[in-house]
Protein backbone atom coordinates (compact mmCIF):
# COMPACT_ATOMS: atom_id res chain seq x y z
CA UNK A 1 19.17 -31.63 3.32
CA UNK A 2 18.94 -29.94 -0.09
CA UNK A 3 15.29 -30.97 -0.40
CA UNK A 4 14.55 -29.37 3.03
CA UNK A 5 16.10 -26.06 1.82
CA UNK A 6 14.05 -26.17 -1.43
CA UNK A 7 10.82 -26.88 0.53
CA UNK A 8 11.56 -24.06 2.98
CA UNK A 9 12.20 -21.64 0.00
CA UNK A 10 9.01 -22.74 -1.62
CA UNK A 11 7.04 -22.10 1.61
CA UNK A 12 8.76 -18.77 2.00
CA UNK A 13 7.78 -17.71 -1.56
CA UNK A 14 4.20 -18.90 -1.02
CA UNK A 15 4.06 -16.97 2.30
CA UNK A 16 5.42 -13.75 0.61
CA UNK A 17 3.02 -14.11 -2.28
CA UNK A 18 0.05 -14.41 0.08
CA UNK A 19 1.20 -11.74 2.68
CA UNK A 20 2.66 -9.13 0.37
CA UNK A 21 -0.56 -8.09 -1.38
CA UNK A 22 -2.20 -7.77 1.98
CA UNK A 23 0.70 -5.58 3.32
CA UNK A 24 0.74 -3.47 0.05
CA UNK A 25 -3.00 -2.95 0.19
CA UNK A 26 -3.08 -1.99 3.80
CA UNK A 27 -0.11 0.38 3.43
CA UNK A 28 -0.88 1.94 0.09
CA UNK A 29 -4.62 2.10 0.05
CA UNK A 30 -4.88 4.73 2.90
CA UNK A 31 -2.20 6.80 1.26
CA UNK A 32 -4.00 6.63 -2.11
CA UNK A 33 -7.42 7.47 -0.59
CA UNK A 34 -5.98 10.28 1.50
CA UNK A 35 -4.36 11.76 -1.61
CA UNK A 36 -7.47 11.54 -3.66
CA UNK A 37 -9.55 12.97 -0.79
CA UNK A 38 -7.06 15.81 -0.46
CA UNK A 39 -7.18 16.63 -4.11
CA UNK A 40 -10.94 16.43 -4.24
CA UNK A 41 -11.26 18.77 -1.24
CA UNK A 42 -8.74 21.23 -2.74
CA UNK A 43 -10.61 21.21 -6.00
CA UNK A 44 -14.20 21.47 -4.52
CA UNK A 45 -13.49 23.64 -1.51
CA UNK A 46 -10.87 26.36 -2.23
CA UNK A 47 -10.09 27.40 1.32
CA UNK A 48 -8.50 30.79 1.96
CA UNK A 49 -6.70 29.53 5.05
CA UNK A 50 -4.56 27.18 2.94
CA UNK A 51 -3.23 29.12 -0.05
CA UNK A 52 -1.63 27.14 -2.86
CA UNK A 53 2.08 27.61 -2.68
C-alpha cells in the first residue's frame, strides 16, 4: 500500500517535470516575444496614433 503511494508520487513528479517546461514555454514564450516585438516597434516606429502616456 505504502509502496504504491510512493510509486504514484514518483510518477506524478516525473510527469510534472516533463510537462511543466512545455506548459511554461508555450505559455510564456508568446508573451515574451509579444513584449519584445511591442518594444521594438515602439522604438523603431514612433507612431503618432499611439502617444506614450
